Amino acid sequence: MNKPLINVENLSKKYNSNSDEILALKEVNLSVFPGETLAIVGPSGSGKSTLLHLLGGLDTPSTGKVWFENTCVNELDDKDKTNLRRNNIGFIYQFHHLIPEFNVLENVMMPLKIQRFSNKRAKEKAIQILNQVGLELRMSHFPSMLSGGERQRVAIARAVVTSPSLILADEPTGNLDRENANIVFRVLVEQASTFKSSMIIVTHDLDLAKLCDRKMELL
């Protein structure tokens, strides 16, 4: 039987605001297996984004543990967390965070250049991914020249170009109309399947959540 790619044990997160203590996430237990897609749903303030940040090592839990394969993420130092994210995790957010001074191709090449791919190999891989997400005619365009849906598809291409074992997506269709949301979500699911990546996606859209293998609700 497959071992989980991500395993979460009794995960909680508390924040201190002035003299008050805010419980953002309470005792979450979760396992996600290789190649599985999971939608996390729930009302605003239920801790969905907090959970995603903890899974990606962007924040540290107050109690509990996050395991990535055999590695306890919250016990790593900052350098090792950065290396874990760089080599294994693709992030996609509600806002695309593309570099405005770079064209589409250059934006998608960037994670590969950080991994010290040659310029030739990085360009080949980026072109391949952009073809898969239907942006072969937009490679020389800058982000300001693209529609919202196109920008999110570039963000997806950038997230998957390194063939990550895990994709973390935080409301990736939240800024899009229904038609573009459907397109972007299906591209995301297809790319996760192509690379056999596990995917954990936070969404308010219950119809889109049904396209994932499993749904988890935070209250």
C-alpha atoms as a PDB file:
ATOM      1  CA  MET A   1       0.000   0.000   0.000  1.00  0.00           C
ATOM      2  CA  ASN A   2       1.224   3.497  -0.829  1.00  0.00           C
ATOM      3  CA  LYS A   3       2.555   5.626   2.006  1.00  0.00           C
ATOM      4  CA  PRO A   4       1.154   9.152   2.347  1.00  0.00           C
ATOM      5  CA  LEU A   5       3.074  11.942   0.675  1.00  0.00           C
ATOM      6  CA  ILE A   6       1.743  14.344   3.317  1.00  0.00           C
ATOM      7  CA  ASN A   7       0.718  13.298   6.803  1.00  0.00           C
ATOM      8  CA  VAL A   8      -0.595  15.758   9.389  1.00  0.00           C
ATOM      9  CA  GLU A   9      -0.947  14.914  13.081  1.00  0.00           C
ATOM     10  CA  ASN A  10      -3.049  17.012  15.482  1.00  0.00           C
ATOM     11  CA  LEU A  11      -2.122  20.260  13.769  1.00  0.00           C
ATOM     12  CA  SER A  12      -3.098  23.510  15.518  1.00  0.00           C
ATOM     13  CA  LYS A  13      -2.112  27.138  15.024  1.00  0.00           C
ATOM     14  CA  LYS A  14      -2.611  29.998  17.492  1.00  0.00           C
ATOM     15  CA  TYR A  15      -1.836  33.668  16.957  1.00  0.00           C
ATOM     16  CA  ASN A  16      -1.434  36.329  19.615  1.00  0.00           C
ATOM     17  CA  SER A  17      -3.168  39.626  18.889  1.00  0.00           C
ATOM     18  CA  ASN A  18      -2.515  42.185  21.603  1.00  0.00           C
ATOM     19  CA  SER A  19      -3.655  40.344  24.737  1.00  0.00           C
ATOM     20  CA  ASP A  20      -5.944  37.956  22.861  1.00  0.00           C
ATOM     21  CA  GLU A  21      -5.116  34.484  21.598  1.00  0.00           C
ATOM     22  CA  ILE A  22      -6.691  33.542  18.275  1.00  0.00           C
ATOM     23  CA  LEU A  23      -7.084  29.877  17.370  1.00  0.00           C
ATOM     24  CA  ALA A  24      -6.718  29.749  13.568  1.00  0.00           C
ATOM     25  CA  LEU A  25      -6.611  25.966  13.219  1.00  0.00           C
ATOM     26  CA  LYS A  26      -7.543  23.238  15.673  1.00  0.00           C
ATOM     27  CA  GLU A  27      -6.261  19.644  15.778  1.00  0.00           C
ATOM     28  CA  VAL A  28      -6.358  18.785  12.081  1.00  0.00           C
ATOM     29  CA  ASN A  29      -5.407  15.262  11.028  1.00  0.00           C
ATOM     30  CA  LEU A  30      -4.884  14.586   7.358  1.00  0.00           C
ATOM     31  CA  SER A  31      -3.163  12.189   4.954  1.00  0.00           C
ATOM     32  CA  VAL A  32      -2.717  12.803   1.233  1.00  0.00           C
ATOM     33  CA  PHE A  33      -1.344  10.064  -0.990  1.00  0.00           C
ATOM     34  CA  PRO A  34       0.824  10.340  -4.093  1.00  0.00           C
ATOM     35  CA  GLY A  35      -1.223  11.468  -7.090  1.00  0.00           C
ATOM     36  CA  GLU A  36      -4.317  12.284  -5.012  1.00  0.00           C
ATOM     37  CA  THR A  37      -6.219  15.571  -5.386  1.00  0.00           C
ATOM     38  CA  LEU A  38      -7.879  17.018  -2.285  1.00  0.00           C
ATOM     39  CA  ALA A  39     -10.187  20.032  -2.069  1.00  0.00           C
ATOM     40  CA  ILE A  40     -10.309  21.901   1.243  1.00  0.00           C
ATOM     41  CA  VAL A  41     -13.545  23.820   1.702  1.00  0.00           C
ATOM     42  CA  GLY A  42     -15.153  25.767   4.528  1.00  0.00           C
ATOM     43  CA  PRO A  43     -16.247  29.256   5.542  1.00  0.00           C
ATOM     44  CA  SER A  44     -13.918  32.251   5.724  1.00  0.00           C
ATOM     45  CA  GLY A  45     -11.870  32.145   8.901  1.00  0.00           C
ATOM     46  CA  SER A  46     -11.962  28.346   9.209  1.00  0.00           C
ATOM     47  CA  GLY A  47      -8.182  28.051   8.725  1.00  0.00           C
ATOM     48  CA  LYS A  48      -7.974  26.848   5.116  1.00  0.00           C
ATOM     49  CA  SER A  49      -5.138  29.134   4.054  1.00  0.00           C
ATOM     50  CA  THR A  50      -3.419  28.661   7.418  1.00  0.00           C
ATOM     51  CA  LEU A  51      -3.409  24.903   6.841  1.00  0.00           C
ATOM     52  CA  LEU A  52      -1.909  25.348   3.375  1.00  0.00           C
ATOM     53  CA  HIS A  53       0.859  27.584   4.729  1.00  0.00           C
ATOM     54  CA  LEU A  54       1.689  25.021   7.399  1.00  0.00           C
ATOM     55  CA  LEU A  55       1.795  22.203   4.847  1.00  0.00           C
ATOM     56  CA  GLY A  56       4.198  24.179   2.684  1.00  0.00           C
ATOM     57  CA  GLY A  57       6.491  25.118   5.558  1.00  0.00           C
ATOM     58  CA  LEU A  58       5.633  28.810   5.210  1.00  0.00           C
ATOM     59  CA  ASP A  59       4.463  28.912   8.823  1.00  0.00           C
ATOM     60  CA  THR A  60       5.137  26.861  11.957  1.00  0.00           C
ATOM     61  CA  PRO A  61       2.360  25.076  13.875  1.00  0.00           C
ATOM     62  CA  SER A  62       1.719  25.793  17.541  1.00  0.00           C
ATOM     63  CA  THR A  63       1.193  22.058  18.132  1.00  0.00           C
ATOM     64  CA  GLY A  64       1.250  18.970  15.956  1.00  0.00           C
ATOM     65  CA  LYS A  65       3.443  17.864  13.075  1.00  0.00           C
ATOM     66  CA  VAL A  66       3.540  18.017   9.283  1.00  0.00           C
ATOM     67  CA  TRP A  67       5.310  15.102   7.615  1.00  0.00           C
ATOM     68  CA  PHE A  68       6.435  15.249   3.987  1.00  0.00           C
ATOM     69  CA  GLU A  69       7.269  11.622   3.238  1.00  0.00           C
ATOM     70  CA  ASN A  70       9.771  10.834   6.011  1.00  0.00           C
ATOM     71  CA  THR A  71      10.642  14.450   6.830  1.00  0.00           C
ATOM     72  CA  CYS A  72       9.037  16.437   9.640  1.00  0.00           C
ATOM     73  CA  VAL A  73       8.638  19.818   7.956  1.00  0.00           C
ATOM     74  CA  ASN A  74       8.218  21.913  11.099  1.00  0.00           C
ATOM     75  CA  GLU A  75      11.493  20.601  12.540  1.00  0.00           C
ATOM     76  CA  LEU A  76      13.552  21.809   9.553  1.00  0.00           C
ATOM     77  CA  ASP A  77      15.563  25.029   9.661  1.00  0.00           C
ATOM     78  CA  ASP A  78      14.730  27.826   7.211  1.00  0.00           C
ATOM     79  CA  LYS A  79      17.323  26.743   4.650  1.00  0.00           C
ATOM     80  CA  ASP A  80      16.077  23.148   4.547  1.00  0.00           C
ATOM     81  CA  LYS A  81      12.449  24.319   4.332  1.00  0.00           C
ATOM     82  CA  THR A  82      13.369  26.491   1.360  1.00  0.00           C
ATOM     83  CA  ASN A  83      15.086  23.554  -0.343  1.00  0.00           C
ATOM     84  CA  LEU A  84      12.101  21.297   0.338  1.00  0.00           C
ATOM     85  CA  ARG A  85       9.723  23.825  -1.250  1.00  0.00           C
ATOM     86  CA  ARG A  86      12.026  24.514  -4.179  1.00  0.00           C
ATOM     87  CA  ASN A  87      12.506  20.851  -5.054  1.00  0.00           C
ATOM     88  CA  ASN A  88       9.128  19.330  -4.208  1.00  0.00           C
ATOM     89  CA  ILE A  89       6.274  21.857  -4.000  1.00  0.00           C
ATOM     90  CA  GLY A  90       4.504  24.083  -6.510  1.00  0.00           C
ATOM     91  CA  PHE A  91       2.478  27.004  -5.124  1.00  0.00           C
ATOM     92  CA  ILE A  92      -0.471  28.714  -6.834  1.00  0.00           C
ATOM     93  CA  TYR A  93      -2.354  31.622  -5.285  1.00  0.00           C
ATOM     94  CA  GLN A  94      -5.508  33.636  -5.955  1.00  0.00           C
ATOM     95  CA  PHE A  95      -3.266  36.389  -7.312  1.00  0.00           C
ATOM     96  CA  HIS A  96      -0.840  35.149  -9.918  1.00  0.00           C
ATOM     97  CA  HIS A  97       2.336  36.895  -8.574  1.00  0.00           C
ATOM     98  CA  LEU A  98       3.950  36.897 -12.007  1.00  0.00           C
ATOM     99  CA  ILE A  99       7.014  39.100 -12.492  1.00  0.00           C
ATOM    100  CA  PRO A 100       5.713  42.030 -14.575  1.00  0.00           C
ATOM    101  CA  GLU A 101       9.092  42.769 -16.196  1.00  0.00           C
ATOM    102  CA  PHE A 102       9.386  39.202 -17.517  1.00  0.00           C
ATOM    103  CA  ASN A 103       7.404  37.802 -20.420  1.00  0.00           C
ATOM    104  CA  VAL A 104       5.369  34.607 -20.109  1.00  0.00           C
ATOM    105  CA  LEU A 105       8.204  32.307 -21.153  1.00  0.00           C
ATOM    106  CA  GLU A 106      10.680  33.953 -18.787  1.00  0.00           C
ATOM    107  CA  ASN A 107       8.244  33.725 -15.864  1.00  0.00           C
ATOM    108  CA  VAL A 108       7.811  29.985 -16.378  1.00  0.00           C
ATOM    109  CA  MET A 109      11.548  29.430 -16.839  1.00  0.00           C
ATOM    110  CA  MET A 110      12.372  31.130 -13.527  1.00  0.00           C
ATOM    111  CA  PRO A 111      11.898  28.126 -11.147  1.00  0.00           C
ATOM    112  CA  LEU A 112      14.113  26.023 -13.415  1.00  0.00           C
ATOM    113  CA  LYS A 113      16.811  28.677 -13.495  1.00  0.00           C
ATOM    114  CA  ILE A 114      16.730  28.738  -9.687  1.00  0.00           C
ATOM    115  CA  GLN A 115      17.299  24.963  -9.811  1.00  0.00           C
ATOM    116  CA  ARG A 116      20.326  25.682 -12.043  1.00  0.00           C
ATOM    117  CA  PHE A 117      18.917  24.233 -15.254  1.00  0.00           C
ATOM    118  CA  SER A 118      20.764  25.409 -18.349  1.00  0.00           C
ATOM    119  CA  ASN A 119      19.020  28.196 -20.244  1.00  0.00           C
ATOM    120  CA  LYS A 120      18.413  25.838 -23.173  1.00  0.00           C
ATOM    121  CA  ARG A 121      16.848  23.086 -21.043  1.00  0.00           C
ATOM    122  CA  ALA A 122      14.787  25.544 -18.995  1.00  0.00           C
ATOM    123  CA  LYS A 123      13.425  27.101 -22.180  1.00  0.00           C
ATOM    124  CA  GLU A 124      12.549  23.687 -23.655  1.00  0.00           C
ATOM    125  CA  LYS A 125      10.655  22.617 -20.544  1.00  0.00           C
ATOM    126  CA  ALA A 126       8.846  25.946 -20.201  1.00  0.00           C
ATOM    127  CA  ILE A 127       7.715  25.851 -23.832  1.00  0.00           C
ATOM    128  CA  GLN A 128       6.449  22.292 -23.385  1.00  0.00           C
ATOM    129  CA  ILE A 129       4.351  23.260 -20.354  1.00  0.00           C
ATOM    130  CA  LEU A 130       2.992  26.417 -21.980  1.00  0.00           C
ATOM    131  CA  ASN A 131       1.868  24.345 -24.949  1.00  0.00           C
ATOM    132  CA  GLN A 132       0.040  22.006 -22.570  1.00  0.00           C
ATOM    133  CA  VAL A 133      -1.872  24.861 -20.911  1.00  0.00           C
ATOM    134  CA  GLY A 134      -2.815  26.414 -24.257  1.00  0.00           C
ATOM    135  CA  LEU A 135      -0.555  29.475 -24.157  1.00  0.00           C
ATOM    136  CA  GLU A 136       1.749  28.698 -27.057  1.00  0.00           C
ATOM    137  CA  LEU A 137       0.748  31.986 -28.729  1.00  0.00           C
ATOM    138  CA  ARG A 138       1.351  34.095 -25.616  1.00  0.00           C
ATOM    139  CA  MET A 139       4.952  33.231 -24.755  1.00  0.00           C
ATOM    140  CA  SER A 140       6.387  36.628 -25.664  1.00  0.00           C
ATOM    141  CA  HIS A 141       3.553  38.546 -23.986  1.00  0.00           C
ATOM    142  CA  PHE A 142       4.003  40.311 -20.655  1.00  0.00           C
ATOM    143  CA  PRO A 143       1.543  39.719 -17.782  1.00  0.00           C
ATOM    144  CA  SER A 144      -0.125  43.094 -18.336  1.00  0.00           C
ATOM    145  CA  MET A 145      -1.085  41.942 -21.852  1.00  0.00           C
ATOM    146  CA  LEU A 146      -2.955  38.835 -20.631  1.00  0.00           C
ATOM    147  CA  SER A 147      -6.473  38.200 -19.361  1.00  0.00           C
ATOM    148  CA  GLY A 148      -7.004  37.067 -15.775  1.00  0.00           C
ATOM    149  CA  GLY A 149      -7.550  33.476 -16.856  1.00  0.00           C
ATOM    150  CA  GLU A 150      -4.399  33.500 -18.979  1.00  0.00           C
ATOM    151  CA  ARG A 151      -2.339  34.853 -16.085  1.00  0.00           C
ATOM    152  CA  GLN A 152      -3.543  32.042 -13.865  1.00  0.00           C
ATOM    153  CA  ARG A 153      -2.641  29.490 -16.519  1.00  0.00           C
ATOM    154  CA  VAL A 154       0.865  30.983 -16.609  1.00  0.00           C
ATOM    155  CA  ALA A 155       0.968  30.669 -12.814  1.00  0.00           C
ATOM    156  CA  ILE A 156      -0.042  26.999 -13.124  1.00  0.00           C
ATOM    157  CA  ALA A 157       2.642  26.396 -15.752  1.00  0.00           C
ATOM    158  CA  ARG A 158       5.235  28.021 -13.493  1.00  0.00           C
ATOM    159  CA  ALA A 159       4.122  25.884 -10.531  1.00  0.00           C
ATOM    160  CA  VAL A 160       4.301  22.552 -12.386  1.00  0.00           C
ATOM    161  CA  VAL A 161       7.342  23.134 -14.618  1.00  0.00           C
ATOM    162  CA  THR A 162       9.642  21.584 -11.996  1.00  0.00           C
ATOM    163  CA  SER A 163       7.430  18.445 -11.844  1.00  0.00           C
ATOM    164  CA  PRO A 164       6.655  18.884  -8.128  1.00  0.00           C
ATOM    165  CA  SER A 165       5.373  15.957  -6.113  1.00  0.00           C
ATOM    166  CA  LEU A 166       2.935  18.323  -4.348  1.00  0.00           C
ATOM    167  CA  ILE A 167       0.889  21.275  -5.630  1.00  0.00           C
ATOM    168  CA  LEU A 168      -0.625  23.662  -3.076  1.00  0.00           C
ATOM    169  CA  ALA A 169      -3.275  25.981  -4.545  1.00  0.00           C
ATOM    170  CA  ASP A 170      -4.992  28.712  -2.510  1.00  0.00           C
ATOM    171  CA  GLU A 171      -8.217  29.921  -4.179  1.00  0.00           C
ATOM    172  CA  PRO A 172      -6.622  29.840  -7.666  1.00  0.00           C
ATOM    173  CA  THR A 173      -9.953  30.651  -9.356  1.00  0.00           C
ATOM    174  CA  GLY A 174     -11.207  33.147  -6.763  1.00  0.00           C
ATOM    175  CA  ASN A 175     -10.707  36.186  -9.009  1.00  0.00           C
ATOM    176  CA  LEU A 176     -12.139  34.657 -12.172  1.00  0.00           C
ATOM    177  CA  ASP A 177     -15.591  34.521 -13.750  1.00  0.00           C
ATOM    178  CA  ARG A 178     -17.315  31.151 -14.005  1.00  0.00           C
ATOM    179  CA  GLU A 179     -16.113  30.313 -17.527  1.00  0.00           C
ATOM    180  CA  ASN A 180     -12.470  31.111 -16.808  1.00  0.00           C
ATOM    181  CA  ALA A 181     -12.667  29.463 -13.389  1.00  0.00           C
ATOM    182  CA  ASN A 182     -13.783  26.214 -15.032  1.00  0.00           C
ATOM    183  CA  ILE A 183     -11.007  26.403 -17.629  1.00  0.00           C
ATOM    184  CA  VAL A 184      -8.275  27.178 -15.102  1.00  0.00           C
ATOM    185  CA  PHE A 185      -9.425  24.517 -12.636  1.00  0.00           C
ATOM    186  CA  ARG A 186      -9.541  21.822 -15.308  1.00  0.00           C
ATOM    187  CA  VAL A 187      -6.078  22.812 -16.545  1.00  0.00           C
ATOM    188  CA  LEU A 188      -4.816  22.554 -12.977  1.00  0.00           C
ATOM    189  CA  VAL A 189      -6.332  19.102 -12.424  1.00  0.00           C
ATOM    190  CA  GLU A 190      -4.990  17.919 -15.792  1.00  0.00           C
ATOM    191  CA  GLN A 191      -1.484  19.144 -14.996  1.00  0.00           C
ATOM    192  CA  ALA A 192      -1.535  17.479 -11.578  1.00  0.00           C
ATOM    193  CA  SER A 193      -2.565  14.243 -13.299  1.00  0.00           C
ATOM    194  CA  THR A 194       0.079  14.599 -16.022  1.00  0.00           C
ATOM    195  CA  PHE A 195       2.877  14.930 -13.483  1.00  0.00           C
ATOM    196  CA  LYS A 196       1.300  12.471 -11.033  1.00  0.00           C
ATOM    197  CA  SER A 197       1.478  15.246  -8.447  1.00  0.00           C
ATOM    198  CA  SER A 198      -0.598  15.298  -5.312  1.00  0.00           C
ATOM    199  CA  MET A 199      -2.677  18.461  -5.156  1.00  0.00           C
ATOM    200  CA  ILE A 200      -4.297  20.218  -2.207  1.00  0.00           C
ATOM    201  CA  ILE A 201      -6.547  23.065  -3.258  1.00  0.00           C
ATOM    202  CA  VAL A 202      -8.414  25.574  -1.111  1.00  0.00           C
ATOM    203  CA  THR A 203     -11.632  26.695  -2.771  1.00  0.00           C
ATOM    204  CA  HIS A 204     -15.028  28.178  -1.969  1.00  0.00           C
ATOM    205  CA  ASP A 205     -16.426  26.656  -5.154  1.00  0.00           C
ATOM    206  CA  LEU A 206     -18.145  23.378  -4.260  1.00  0.00           C
ATOM    207  CA  ASP A 207     -18.789  22.523  -7.911  1.00  0.00           C
ATOM    208  CA  LEU A 208     -15.086  22.699  -8.681  1.00  0.00           C
ATOM    209  CA  ALA A 209     -14.244  20.812  -5.491  1.00  0.00           C
ATOM    210  CA  LYS A 210     -16.236  17.862  -6.858  1.00  0.00           C
ATOM    211  CA  LEU A 211     -13.629  17.466  -9.605  1.00  0.00           C
ATOM    212  CA  CYS A 212     -11.054  16.440  -6.988  1.00  0.00           C
ATOM    213  CA  ASP A 213     -10.677  12.905  -5.676  1.00  0.00           C
ATOM    214  CA  ARG A 214     -11.702  13.914  -2.183  1.00  0.00           C
ATOM    215  CA  LYS A 215     -13.080  16.863  -0.224  1.00  0.00           C
ATOM    216  CA  MET A 216     -12.293  17.936   3.321  1.00  0.00           C
ATOM    217  CA  GLU A 217     -14.325  20.562   5.173  1.00  0.00           C
ATOM    218  CA  LEU A 218     -12.940  22.833   7.855  1.00  0.00           C
ATOM    219  CA  LEU A 219     -15.453  24.439  10.208  1.00  0.00           C
END
